[in-house]
PDB file of N, CA and C in Angstrom:
ATOM      1  N   MET A   1     114.500 134.930 108.492  1.00  0.00           N
ATOM      2  CA  MET A   1     113.485 133.509 108.582  1.00  0.00           C
ATOM      3  C   MET A   1     113.894 132.161 107.832  1.00  0.00           C
ATOM      4  N   PRO A   2     114.080 131.179 108.470  1.00  0.00           N
ATOM      5  CA  PRO A   2     114.724 129.621 107.227  1.00  0.00           C
ATOM      6  C   PRO A   2     113.227 129.591 106.131  1.00  0.00           C
ATOM      7  N   ILE A   3     113.998 129.137 105.187  1.00  0.00           N
ATOM      8  CA  ILE A   3     113.043 128.415 104.698  1.00  0.00           C
ATOM      9  C   ILE A   3     112.615 127.515 104.886  1.00  0.00           C
ATOM     10  N   LYS A   4     110.948 127.351 104.904  1.00  0.00           N
ATOM     11  CA  LYS A   4     110.476 125.439 104.934  1.00  0.00           C
ATOM     12  C   LYS A   4     111.165 124.564 104.160  1.00  0.00           C
ATOM     13  N   PRO A   5     111.552 123.130 104.586  1.00  0.00           N
ATOM     14  CA  PRO A   5     111.325 122.614 102.979  1.00  0.00           C
ATOM     15  C   PRO A   5     110.089 122.351 102.942  1.00  0.00           C
ATOM     16  N   SER A   6     109.684 121.758 101.318  1.00  0.00           N
ATOM     17  CA  SER A   6     108.739 121.446 100.976  1.00  0.00           C
ATOM     18  C   SER A   6     108.329 119.998 101.369  1.00  0.00           C
ATOM     19  N   TYR A   7     107.350 119.437 101.107  1.00  0.00           N
ATOM     20  CA  TYR A   7     106.736 118.505 101.682  1.00  0.00           C
ATOM     21  C   TYR A   7     107.361 117.309 101.049  1.00  0.00           C
ATOM     22  N   ARG A   8     107.398 117.369  99.530  1.00  0.00           N
ATOM     23  CA  ARG A   8     108.445 116.234  98.804  1.00  0.00           C
ATOM     24  C   ARG A   8     109.973 116.281  99.165  1.00  0.00           C
ATOM     25  N   THR A   9     110.543 117.466  99.676  1.00  0.00           N
ATOM     26  CA  THR A   9     111.970 117.155  99.832  1.00  0.00           C
ATOM     27  C   THR A   9     112.283 116.362 101.696  1.00  0.00           C
ATOM     28  N   LEU A  10     110.796 116.589 102.291  1.00  0.00           N
ATOM     29  CA  LEU A  10     110.735 115.834 103.662  1.00  0.00           C
ATOM     30  C   LEU A  10     110.796 114.125 103.160  1.00  0.00           C
ATOM     31  N   ALA A  11     109.897 113.875 101.928  1.00  0.00           N
ATOM     32  CA  ALA A  11     109.540 112.816 102.042  1.00  0.00           C
ATOM     33  C   ALA A  11     110.639 111.968 101.442  1.00  0.00           C
ATOM     34  N   VAL A  12     111.448 112.923 100.348  1.00  0.00           N
ATOM     35  CA  VAL A  12     112.902 112.425 100.206  1.00  0.00           C
ATOM     36  C   VAL A  12     113.743 112.286 101.294  1.00  0.00           C
ATOM     37  N   GLN A  13     113.614 113.072 102.615  1.00  0.00           N
ATOM     38  CA  GLN A  13     114.651 112.975 103.655  1.00  0.00           C
ATOM     39  C   GLN A  13     114.076 111.614 104.462  1.00  0.00           C
ATOM     40  N   ALA A  14     112.871 111.390 104.097  1.00  0.00           N
ATOM     41  CA  ALA A  14     112.146 110.156 105.379  1.00  0.00           C
ATOM     42  C   ALA A  14     112.725 109.068 104.295  1.00  0.00           C
ATOM     43  N   ALA A  15     112.745 109.277 103.239  1.00  0.00           N
ATOM     44  CA  ALA A  15     113.818 107.592 102.679  1.00  0.00           C
ATOM     45  C   ALA A  15     114.908 107.502 102.292  1.00  0.00           C
ATOM     46  N   ARG A  16     116.131 108.693 102.689  1.00  0.00           N
ATOM     47  CA  ARG A  16     117.362 109.118 102.514  1.00  0.00           C
ATOM     48  C   ARG A  16     117.829 108.049 104.283  1.00  0.00           C
ATOM     49  N   ALA A  17     116.578 108.679 105.419  1.00  0.00           N
ATOM     50  CA  ALA A  17     116.767 108.124 106.738  1.00  0.00           C
ATOM     51  C   ALA A  17     116.802 107.011 106.408  1.00  0.00           C
ATOM     52  N   ALA A  18     115.359 106.293 106.296  1.00  0.00           N
ATOM     53  CA  ALA A  18     115.560 104.383 105.950  1.00  0.00           C
ATOM     54  C   ALA A  18     116.356 103.883 105.630  1.00  0.00           C
ATOM     55  N   ASP A  19     116.962 104.656 104.508  1.00  0.00           N
ATOM     56  CA  ASP A  19     118.627 104.079 103.695  1.00  0.00           C
ATOM     57  C   ASP A  19     119.018 103.969 105.166  1.00  0.00           C
ATOM     58  N   GLU A  20     119.392 105.075 105.585  1.00  0.00           N
ATOM     59  CA  GLU A  20     120.557 105.055 106.884  1.00  0.00           C
ATOM     60  C   GLU A  20     119.958 103.664 107.341  1.00  0.00           C
ATOM     61  N   LYS A  21     118.918 103.053 107.957  1.00  0.00           N
ATOM     62  CA  LYS A  21     118.920 102.300 108.648  1.00  0.00           C
ATOM     63  C   LYS A  21     118.919 100.541 107.850  1.00  0.00           C
ATOM     64  N   LYS A  22     119.409 101.004 106.845  1.00  0.00           N
ATOM     65  CA  LYS A  22     119.108  99.539 105.891  1.00  0.00           C
ATOM     66  C   LYS A  22     117.774  99.108 105.419  1.00  0.00           C
ATOM     67  N   GLY A  23     116.937 100.241 105.531  1.00  0.00           N
ATOM     68  CA  GLY A  23     115.654  99.931 104.868  1.00  0.00           C
ATOM     69  C   GLY A  23     115.579  99.443 103.326  1.00  0.00           C
ATOM     70  N   ILE A  24     114.394  98.212 102.831  1.00  0.00           N
ATOM     71  CA  ILE A  24     114.756  97.282 101.669  1.00  0.00           C
ATOM     72  C   ILE A  24     113.817  98.091 100.661  1.00  0.00           C
ATOM     73  N   ASP A  25     113.903  98.102  99.660  1.00  0.00           N
ATOM     74  CA  ASP A  25     113.078  98.580  98.396  1.00  0.00           C
ATOM     75  C   ASP A  25     112.522 100.292  98.954  1.00  0.00           C
ATOM     76  N   ILE A  26     112.982 101.191  99.106  1.00  0.00           N
ATOM     77  CA  ILE A  26     112.462 102.180  99.644  1.00  0.00           C
ATOM     78  C   ILE A  26     111.687 102.988  98.454  1.00  0.00           C
ATOM     79  N   VAL A  27     110.667 103.038  98.203  1.00  0.00           N
ATOM     80  CA  VAL A  27     110.124 104.122  97.100  1.00  0.00           C
ATOM     81  C   VAL A  27     109.074 105.071  97.899  1.00  0.00           C
ATOM     82  N   VAL A  28     109.505 106.123  97.044  1.00  0.00           N
ATOM     83  CA  VAL A  28     108.697 107.464  97.531  1.00  0.00           C
ATOM     84  C   VAL A  28     107.892 107.612  96.008  1.00  0.00           C
ATOM     85  N   LEU A  29     106.419 107.959  96.532  1.00  0.00           N
ATOM     86  CA  LEU A  29     105.210 107.907  95.514  1.00  0.00           C
ATOM     87  C   LEU A  29     104.785 109.475  95.790  1.00  0.00           C
ATOM     88  N   ASP A  30     104.586 110.283  94.418  1.00  0.00           N
ATOM     89  CA  ASP A  30     104.521 111.587  94.790  1.00  0.00           C
ATOM     90  C   ASP A  30     102.652 111.070  94.415  1.00  0.00           C
ATOM     91  N   ILE A  31     101.444 111.320  95.301  1.00  0.00           N
ATOM     92  CA  ILE A  31      99.853 110.586  95.004  1.00  0.00           C
ATOM     93  C   ILE A  31      98.846 111.872  95.249  1.00  0.00           C
ATOM     94  N   HIS A  32      99.578 112.641  95.107  1.00  0.00           N
ATOM     95  CA  HIS A  32      98.476 114.253  95.217  1.00  0.00           C
ATOM     96  C   HIS A  32      97.285 114.234  94.240  1.00  0.00           C
ATOM     97  N   ALA A  33      97.730 113.691  92.914  1.00  0.00           N
ATOM     98  CA  ALA A  33      96.789 114.151  91.981  1.00  0.00           C
ATOM     99  C   ALA A  33      95.509 112.704  91.962  1.00  0.00           C
ATOM    100  N   SER A  34      96.046 111.984  92.609  1.00  0.00           N
ATOM    101  CA  SER A  34      94.898 111.021  93.187  1.00  0.00           C
ATOM    102  C   SER A  34      94.297 110.679  94.409  1.00  0.00           C
ATOM    103  N   SER A  35      94.733 111.086  95.777  1.00  0.00           N
ATOM    104  CA  SER A  35      94.499 111.068  96.859  1.00  0.00           C
ATOM    105  C   SER A  35      93.752 112.965  97.887  1.00  0.00           C
ATOM    106  N   ASP A  36      92.837 112.303  98.282  1.00  0.00           N
ATOM    107  CA  ASP A  36      92.271 113.853  98.824  1.00  0.00           C
ATOM    108  C   ASP A  36      92.948 113.531 100.368  1.00  0.00           C
ATOM    109  N   LEU A  37      93.813 112.532 100.822  1.00  0.00           N
ATOM    110  CA  LEU A  37      94.369 112.337 102.316  1.00  0.00           C
ATOM    111  C   LEU A  37      95.753 112.310 102.363  1.00  0.00           C
ATOM    112  N   THR A  38      96.403 112.433 101.169  1.00  0.00           N
ATOM    113  CA  THR A  38      97.966 112.930 101.707  1.00  0.00           C
ATOM    114  C   THR A  38      98.386 113.141 100.234  1.00  0.00           C
ATOM    115  N   ASP A  39      99.855 113.583 100.054  1.00  0.00           N
ATOM    116  CA  ASP A  39     100.384 113.980  98.885  1.00  0.00           C
ATOM    117  C   ASP A  39     101.672 113.026  98.684  1.00  0.00           C
ATOM    118  N   PHE A  40     102.365 112.543  99.750  1.00  0.00           N
ATOM    119  CA  PHE A  40     103.680 111.650  99.087  1.00  0.00           C
ATOM    120  C   PHE A  40     103.183 110.374 100.192  1.00  0.00           C
ATOM    121  N   VAL A  41     104.099 109.310  99.712  1.00  0.00           N
ATOM    122  CA  VAL A  41     103.282 108.142 100.559  1.00  0.00           C
ATOM    123  C   VAL A  41     105.318 107.782 100.259  1.00  0.00           C
ATOM    124  N   VAL A  42     105.709 107.227 101.365  1.00  0.00           N
ATOM    125  CA  VAL A  42     107.285 106.489 101.434  1.00  0.00           C
ATOM    126  C   VAL A  42     107.279 105.641 101.469  1.00  0.00           C
ATOM    127  N   ILE A  43     107.608 104.262 101.248  1.00  0.00           N
ATOM    128  CA  ILE A  43     107.176 102.678 102.000  1.00  0.00           C
ATOM    129  C   ILE A  43     108.550 102.120 101.682  1.00  0.00           C
ATOM    130  N   ALA A  44     109.010 101.339 102.754  1.00  0.00           N
ATOM    131  CA  ALA A  44     110.054 100.710 103.455  1.00  0.00           C
ATOM    132  C   ALA A  44     109.458  99.457 103.734  1.00  0.00           C
ATOM    133  N   SER A  45     110.536  98.839 103.221  1.00  0.00           N
ATOM    134  CA  SER A  45     110.406  96.991 104.053  1.00  0.00           C
ATOM    135  C   SER A  45     112.029  97.096 105.251  1.00  0.00           C
ATOM    136  N   ALA A  46     111.451  96.081 106.165  1.00  0.00           N
ATOM    137  CA  ALA A  46     112.547  95.530 107.017  1.00  0.00           C
ATOM    138  C   ALA A  46     112.507  94.276 107.490  1.00  0.00           C
ATOM    139  N   GLU A  47     113.980  93.758 107.714  1.00  0.00           N
ATOM    140  CA  GLU A  47     113.522  92.705 108.016  1.00  0.00           C
ATOM    141  C   GLU A  47     113.663  91.667 108.906  1.00  0.00           C
ATOM    142  N   SER A  48     113.150  92.757 110.170  1.00  0.00           N
ATOM    143  CA  SER A  48     112.557  92.190 111.431  1.00  0.00           C
ATOM    144  C   SER A  48     111.988  93.443 112.153  1.00  0.00           C
ATOM    145  N   SER A  49     111.360  92.728 113.193  1.00  0.00           N
ATOM    146  CA  SER A  49     110.663  94.132 113.869  1.00  0.00           C
ATOM    147  C   SER A  49     111.707  94.850 114.547  1.00  0.00           C
ATOM    148  N   ALA A  50     112.954  94.856 115.642  1.00  0.00           N
ATOM    149  CA  ALA A  50     113.720  95.380 115.952  1.00  0.00           C
ATOM    150  C   ALA A  50     114.392  96.699 114.534  1.00  0.00           C
ATOM    151  N   GLN A  51     114.291  96.115 112.992  1.00  0.00           N
ATOM    152  CA  GLN A  51     114.415  97.210 112.177  1.00  0.00           C
ATOM    153  C   GLN A  51     114.032  97.928 111.789  1.00  0.00           C
ATOM    154  N   GLN A  52     112.441  97.993 111.897  1.00  0.00           N
ATOM    155  CA  GLN A  52     111.277  98.657 111.948  1.00  0.00           C
ATOM    156  C   GLN A  52     111.084  99.435 112.924  1.00  0.00           C
ATOM    157  N   ALA A  53     111.283  99.522 114.137  1.00  0.00           N
ATOM    158  CA  ALA A  53     111.267 100.131 114.798  1.00  0.00           C
ATOM    159  C   ALA A  53     112.333 101.215 114.637  1.00  0.00           C
ATOM    160  N   ALA A  54     113.590 100.870 114.421  1.00  0.00           N
ATOM    161  CA  ALA A  54     114.661 101.228 114.287  1.00  0.00           C
ATOM    162  C   ALA A  54     114.315 102.339 112.661  1.00  0.00           C
ATOM    163  N   LEU A  55     113.940 101.864 111.730  1.00  0.00           N
ATOM    164  CA  LEU A  55     113.102 102.446 110.587  1.00  0.00           C
ATOM    165  C   LEU A  55     112.579 103.767 111.106  1.00  0.00           C
ATOM    166  N   GLN A  56     111.649 103.449 111.967  1.00  0.00           N
ATOM    167  CA  GLN A  56     110.116 104.544 112.672  1.00  0.00           C
ATOM    168  C   GLN A  56     111.061 105.433 113.281  1.00  0.00           C
ATOM    169  N   ASN A  57     112.230 105.112 114.234  1.00  0.00           N
ATOM    170  CA  ASN A  57     112.681 105.850 115.154  1.00  0.00           C
ATOM    171  C   ASN A  57     113.233 106.990 113.693  1.00  0.00           C
ATOM    172  N   THR A  58     114.541 106.433 113.364  1.00  0.00           N
ATOM    173  CA  THR A  58     115.487 107.815 112.624  1.00  0.00           C
ATOM    174  C   THR A  58     114.440 108.138 111.872  1.00  0.00           C
ATOM    175  N   ILE A  59     113.477 107.857 110.940  1.00  0.00           N
ATOM    176  CA  ILE A  59     112.416 108.637 110.616  1.00  0.00           C
ATOM    177  C   ILE A  59     112.092 109.912 110.980  1.00  0.00           C
ATOM    178  N   GLU A  60     111.639 109.405 111.740  1.00  0.00           N
ATOM    179  CA  GLU A  60     110.167 110.560 112.757  1.00  0.00           C
ATOM    180  C   GLU A  60     111.996 111.535 113.656  1.00  0.00           C
ATOM    181  N   GLU A  61     112.705 111.143 113.826  1.00  0.00           N
ATOM    182  CA  GLU A  61     114.098 111.910 114.258  1.00  0.00           C
ATOM    183  C   GLU A  61     114.611 112.666 113.234  1.00  0.00           C
ATOM    184  N   VAL A  62     114.542 112.281 111.966  1.00  0.00           N
ATOM    185  CA  VAL A  62     115.115 113.297 110.830  1.00  0.00           C
ATOM    186  C   VAL A  62     113.784 114.119 110.305  1.00  0.00           C
ATOM    187  N   LEU A  63     112.429 114.379 110.764  1.00  0.00           N
ATOM    188  CA  LEU A  63     111.614 114.421 110.549  1.00  0.00           C
ATOM    189  C   LEU A  63     111.389 115.796 111.821  1.00  0.00           C
ATOM    190  N   ARG A  64     111.357 115.178 112.326  1.00  0.00           N
ATOM    191  CA  ARG A  64     111.126 116.146 113.565  1.00  0.00           C
ATOM    192  C   ARG A  64     112.227 117.387 113.892  1.00  0.00           C
ATOM    193  N   GLU A  65     113.609 117.054 113.323  1.00  0.00           N
ATOM    194  CA  GLU A  65     114.597 117.896 113.362  1.00  0.00           C
ATOM    195  C   GLU A  65     114.167 118.998 111.919  1.00  0.00           C
ATOM    196  N   LYS A  66     113.009 118.738 111.204  1.00  0.00           N
ATOM    197  CA  LYS A  66     112.590 119.752 110.171  1.00  0.00           C
ATOM    198  C   LYS A  66     111.550 120.271 110.633  1.00  0.00           C
ATOM    199  N   GLY A  67     110.656 120.092 112.328  1.00  0.00           N
ATOM    200  CA  GLY A  67     110.022 120.396 112.399  1.00  0.00           C
ATOM    201  C   GLY A  67     108.476 119.966 112.139  1.00  0.00           C
ATOM    202  N   LEU A  68     108.604 118.780 111.768  1.00  0.00           N
ATOM    203  CA  LEU A  68     107.515 117.772 111.296  1.00  0.00           C
ATOM    204  C   LEU A  68     107.206 117.352 112.441  1.00  0.00           C
ATOM    205  N   ARG A  69     106.229 116.734 112.907  1.00  0.00           N
ATOM    206  CA  ARG A  69     105.906 116.224 113.992  1.00  0.00           C
ATOM    207  C   ARG A  69     104.021 115.386 113.412  1.00  0.00           C
ATOM    208  N   PRO A  70     104.602 113.709 113.997  1.00  0.00           N
ATOM    209  CA  PRO A  70     103.249 112.585 113.535  1.00  0.00           C
ATOM    210  C   PRO A  70     102.260 113.299 114.077  1.00  0.00           C
ATOM    211  N   LEU A  71     101.052 112.769 113.206  1.00  0.00           N
ATOM    212  CA  LEU A  71      99.913 113.463 113.470  1.00  0.00           C
ATOM    213  C   LEU A  71      99.212 112.212 114.378  1.00  0.00           C
ATOM    214  N   HIS A  72      99.725 111.291 113.637  1.00  0.00           N
ATOM    215  CA  HIS A  72      99.316 109.762 114.031  1.00  0.00           C
ATOM    216  C   HIS A  72     100.078 108.748 114.087  1.00  0.00           C
ATOM    217  N   ARG A  73      99.970 107.615 114.839  1.00  0.00           N
ATOM    218  CA  ARG A  73     100.769 106.549 114.413  1.00  0.00           C
ATOM    219  C   ARG A  73     100.049 104.919 114.171  1.00  0.00           C
ATOM    220  N   ASP A  74      99.998 104.435 113.743  1.00  0.00           N
ATOM    221  CA  ASP A  74      99.606 103.056 113.995  1.00  0.00           C
ATOM    222  C   ASP A  74     100.054 101.483 113.665  1.00  0.00           C
ATOM    223  N   GLY A  75      99.907 100.417 114.242  1.00  0.00           N
ATOM    224  CA  GLY A  75     100.922  99.603 114.507  1.00  0.00           C
ATOM    225  C   GLY A  75     102.133 100.161 115.654  1.00  0.00           C
ATOM    226  N   ASN A  76     102.857  98.861 115.663  1.00  0.00           N
ATOM    227  CA  ASN A  76     103.922  99.034 116.529  1.00  0.00           C
ATOM    228  C   ASN A  76     105.157  97.597 116.380  1.00  0.00           C
ATOM    229  N   PRO A  77     106.513  97.869 116.807  1.00  0.00           N
ATOM    230  CA  PRO A  77     107.187  97.138 115.582  1.00  0.00           C
ATOM    231  C   PRO A  77     107.142  95.358 116.395  1.00  0.00           C
ATOM    232  N   ARG A  78     106.025  95.108 117.069  1.00  0.00           N
ATOM    233  CA  ARG A  78     105.642  93.809 117.009  1.00  0.00           C
ATOM    234  C   ARG A  78     104.761  93.276 115.994  1.00  0.00           C
ATOM    235  N   ASP A  79     104.050  94.296 115.174  1.00  0.00           N
ATOM    236  CA  ASP A  79     103.445  93.801 114.053  1.00  0.00           C
ATOM    237  C   ASP A  79     104.259  93.986 112.611  1.00  0.00           C
ATOM    238  N   ARG A  80     103.518  93.373 111.654  1.00  0.00           N
ATOM    239  CA  ARG A  80     104.303  93.376 110.470  1.00  0.00           C
ATOM    240  C   ARG A  80     103.863  94.730 109.633  1.00  0.00           C
ATOM    241  N   TRP A  81     103.229  95.580 110.042  1.00  0.00           N
ATOM    242  CA  TRP A  81     102.768  96.907 108.834  1.00  0.00           C
ATOM    243  C   TRP A  81     102.999  97.809 110.174  1.00  0.00           C
ATOM    244  N   MET A  82     103.448  98.948 110.235  1.00  0.00           N
ATOM    245  CA  MET A  82     103.878 100.154 110.841  1.00  0.00           C
ATOM    246  C   MET A  82     103.356 101.576 109.772  1.00  0.00           C
ATOM    247  N   VAL A  83     102.635 102.261 110.146  1.00  0.00           N
ATOM    248  CA  VAL A  83     102.267 103.573 109.388  1.00  0.00           C
ATOM    249  C   VAL A  83     102.796 104.749 110.004  1.00  0.00           C
ATOM    250  N   VAL A  84     103.012 105.803 109.807  1.00  0.00           N
ATOM    251  CA  VAL A  84     103.351 106.792 110.703  1.00  0.00           C
ATOM    252  C   VAL A  84     102.844 108.345 109.878  1.00  0.00           C
ATOM    253  N   ASP A  85     101.984 109.042 110.034  1.00  0.00           N
ATOM    254  CA  ASP A  85     100.715 109.876 109.382  1.00  0.00           C
ATOM    255  C   ASP A  85     101.787 111.690 109.589  1.00  0.00           C
ATOM    256  N   TYR A  86     102.046 111.897 108.330  1.00  0.00           N
ATOM    257  CA  TYR A  86     102.528 113.431 108.522  1.00  0.00           C
ATOM    258  C   TYR A  86     101.226 114.318 108.178  1.00  0.00           C
ATOM    259  N   GLY A  87      99.927 114.039 107.414  1.00  0.00           N
ATOM    260  CA  GLY A  87      99.146 114.450 107.242  1.00  0.00           C
ATOM    261  C   GLY A  87      99.783 114.415 105.514  1.00  0.00           C
ATOM    262  N   ALA A  88     100.447 115.243 105.082  1.00  0.00           N
ATOM    263  CA  ALA A  88     100.445 115.739 103.614  1.00  0.00           C
ATOM    264  C   ALA A  88     102.068 113.941 103.637  1.00  0.00           C
ATOM    265  N   ILE A  89     102.331 113.417 104.011  1.00  0.00           N
ATOM    266  CA  ILE A  89     103.251 112.809 104.008  1.00  0.00           C
ATOM    267  C   ILE A  89     102.569 111.399 104.694  1.00  0.00           C
ATOM    268  N   MET A  90     102.509 109.956 104.453  1.00  0.00           N
ATOM    269  CA  MET A  90     102.112 109.042 104.997  1.00  0.00           C
ATOM    270  C   MET A  90     103.795 107.908 104.699  1.00  0.00           C
ATOM    271  N   VAL A  91     104.091 107.712 105.980  1.00  0.00           N
ATOM    272  CA  VAL A  91     105.597 106.388 106.068  1.00  0.00           C
ATOM    273  C   VAL A  91     105.219 104.984 106.555  1.00  0.00           C
ATOM    274  N   HIS A  92     104.607 104.143 105.187  1.00  0.00           N
ATOM    275  CA  HIS A  92     104.600 102.922 105.465  1.00  0.00           C
ATOM    276  C   HIS A  92     105.478 102.479 105.725  1.00  0.00           C
ATOM    277  N   ILE A  93     105.760 101.620 107.064  1.00  0.00           N
ATOM    278  CA  ILE A  93     106.997 100.351 107.283  1.00  0.00           C
ATOM    279  C   ILE A  93     106.589  99.023 107.295  1.00  0.00           C
ATOM    280  N   LEU A  94     106.699  98.281 106.892  1.00  0.00           N
ATOM    281  CA  LEU A  94     106.122  97.028 106.515  1.00  0.00           C
ATOM    282  C   LEU A  94     107.493  95.801 106.791  1.00  0.00           C
ATOM    283  N   LEU A  95     107.433  94.502 106.852  1.00  0.00           N
ATOM    284  CA  LEU A  95     108.142  93.450 107.017  1.00  0.00           C
ATOM    285  C   LEU A  95     107.834  92.957 106.131  1.00  0.00           C
ATOM    286  N   VAL A  96     109.373  92.592 105.330  1.00  0.00           N
ATOM    287  CA  VAL A  96     109.207  92.093 103.661  1.00  0.00           C
ATOM    288  C   VAL A  96     108.136  91.228 103.820  1.00  0.00           C
ATOM    289  N   GLU A  97     107.742  90.056 104.527  1.00  0.00           N
ATOM    290  CA  GLU A  97     107.021  89.367 103.865  1.00  0.00           C
ATOM    291  C   GLU A  97     105.434  89.821 103.438  1.00  0.00           C
ATOM    292  N   ALA A  98     105.506  91.008 104.604  1.00  0.00           N
ATOM    293  CA  ALA A  98     104.209  91.255 104.395  1.00  0.00           C
ATOM    294  C   ALA A  98     103.915  92.722 103.566  1.00  0.00           C
ATOM    295  N   ARG A  99     104.875  92.722 103.022  1.00  0.00           N
ATOM    296  CA  ARG A  99     104.748  93.901 101.708  1.00  0.00           C
ATOM    297  C   ARG A  99     104.468  92.968 100.314  1.00  0.00           C
ATOM    298  N   GLU A 100     104.937  91.920 100.467  1.00  0.00           N
ATOM    299  CA  GLU A 100     104.865  91.308  99.615  1.00  0.00           C
ATOM    300  C   GLU A 100     103.450  90.013  99.238  1.00  0.00           C
ATOM    301  N   PHE A 101     102.511  90.533 100.598  1.00  0.00           N
ATOM    302  CA  PHE A 101     101.273  89.798 100.790  1.00  0.00           C
ATOM    303  C   PHE A 101     100.512  90.809 100.277  1.00  0.00           C
ATOM    304  N   TYR A 102     100.661  92.184 100.726  1.00  0.00           N
ATOM    305  CA  TYR A 102      99.364  93.240 100.869  1.00  0.00           C
ATOM    306  C   TYR A 102      99.370  94.330  99.147  1.00  0.00           C
ATOM    307  N   ARG A 103     101.179  93.958  98.636  1.00  0.00           N
ATOM    308  CA  ARG A 103     101.283  94.980  97.387  1.00  0.00           C
ATOM    309  C   ARG A 103     100.804  95.894  97.620  1.00  0.00           C
ATOM    310  N   LEU A 104     101.065  96.849  98.964  1.00  0.00           N
ATOM    311  CA  LEU A 104     100.644  98.170  98.713  1.00  0.00           C
ATOM    312  C   LEU A 104     101.320  99.258  97.649  1.00  0.00           C
ATOM    313  N   ASP A 105     102.661  98.921  97.108  1.00  0.00           N
ATOM    314  CA  ASP A 105     103.170  99.816  95.896  1.00  0.00           C
ATOM    315  C   ASP A 105     101.980  99.719  94.580  1.00  0.00           C
ATOM    316  N   GLN A 106     101.016  98.799  94.708  1.00  0.00           N
ATOM    317  CA  GLN A 106     100.293  98.742  93.804  1.00  0.00           C
ATOM    318  C   GLN A 106      99.363  99.129  93.845  1.00  0.00           C
ATOM    319  N   LEU A 107      98.520 100.143  95.393  1.00  0.00           N
ATOM    320  CA  LEU A 107      97.642 100.846  95.213  1.00  0.00           C
ATOM    321  C   LEU A 107      97.846 102.236  94.253  1.00  0.00           C
ATOM    322  N   TRP A 108      99.078 102.539  94.351  1.00  0.00           N
ATOM    323  CA  TRP A 108      99.384 103.793  93.356  1.00  0.00           C
ATOM    324  C   TRP A 108      99.774 103.141  92.644  1.00  0.00           C
ATOM    325  N   GLU A 109     100.088 102.785  91.698  1.00  0.00           N
ATOM    326  CA  GLU A 109     100.848 101.997  90.643  1.00  0.00           C
ATOM    327  C   GLU A 109     100.565 103.094  89.448  1.00  0.00           C
ATOM    328  N   THR A 110      99.751 103.947  89.082  1.00  0.00           N
ATOM    329  CA  THR A 110      99.358 105.144  87.893  1.00  0.00           C
ATOM    330  C   THR A 110     100.391 106.074  88.684  1.00  0.00           C
ATOM    331  N   SER A 111     100.808 106.299  90.375  1.00  0.00           N
ATOM    332  CA  SER A 111     101.220 107.659  90.175  1.00  0.00           C
ATOM    333  C   SER A 111     102.926 107.858  90.208  1.00  0.00           C
ATOM    334  N   LYS A 112     103.326 109.045  90.598  1.00  0.00           N
ATOM    335  CA  LYS A 112     104.868 109.282  90.019  1.00  0.00           C
ATOM    336  C   LYS A 112     105.647 108.887  91.300  1.00  0.00           C
ATOM    337  N   LYS A 113     106.382 108.132  90.682  1.00  0.00           N
ATOM    338  CA  LYS A 113     107.580 108.045  91.153  1.00  0.00           C
ATOM    339  C   LYS A 113     108.818 108.957  91.935  1.00  0.00           C
ATOM    340  N   VAL A 114     109.169 109.209  92.763  1.00  0.00           N
ATOM    341  CA  VAL A 114     110.058 110.745  93.170  1.00  0.00           C
ATOM    342  C   VAL A 114     111.361 109.657  93.216  1.00  0.00           C
ATOM    343  N   ALA A 115     112.450 110.407  92.557  1.00  0.00           N
ATOM    344  CA  ALA A 115     113.500 110.016  92.403  1.00  0.00           C
ATOM    345  C   ALA A 115     114.436 110.093  93.782  1.00  0.00           C
ATOM    346  N   TRP A 116     115.125 109.708  94.198  1.00  0.00           N
ATOM    347  CA  TRP A 116     115.852 110.370  95.819  1.00  0.00           C
ATOM    348  C   TRP A 116     116.840 109.192  95.484  1.00  0.00           C
ATOM    349  N   GLU A 117     118.375 110.222  96.005  1.00  0.00           N
ATOM    350  CA  GLU A 117     119.504 109.355  95.990  1.00  0.00           C
ATOM    351  C   GLU A 117     120.291 108.625  97.029  1.00  0.00           C
ATOM    352  N   LYS A 118     120.419 107.364  97.011  1.00  0.00           N
ATOM    353  CA  LYS A 118     121.212 106.915  97.985  1.00  0.00           C
ATOM    354  C   LYS A 118     122.032 107.163  98.093  1.00  0.00           C
ATOM    355  N   ARG A 119     122.799 107.720  99.848  1.00  0.00           N
ATOM    356  CA  ARG A 119     123.880 108.278 100.057  1.00  0.00           C
ATOM    357  C   ARG A 119     124.701 107.118  99.987  1.00  0.00           C
ATOM    358  N   SER A 120     126.013 106.901  99.610  1.00  0.00           N
ATOM    359  CA  SER A 120     127.018 106.100 100.066  1.00  0.00           C
ATOM    360  C   SER A 120     127.712 106.044 101.150  1.00  0.00           C
TER     361      SER A 120
END
């Protein structure tokens, strides 16, 4: 029986998937110590609604291949902010100007950033 990847590993894979589609300023935050709702938050910016959709589709495809399916989605490519809820992982995809406006990263500024390597 194959070993199931950890949620940390899956969050990193989501970040790498966003990077493959040229997501901007991608961060993975470990917020399990300060949140009862989720353990990891992945935040990525996009320059257009088309790129937002590409990020969402690629992330969902990568995580689906690992056996993880979204519990809920909110927003769509016409919106400035989309979120995909996987339970232990929340993926936020925002247009650049929306991310600057909402400063979502600052909600968890005391959380631990998870290192992930960009693929060349």
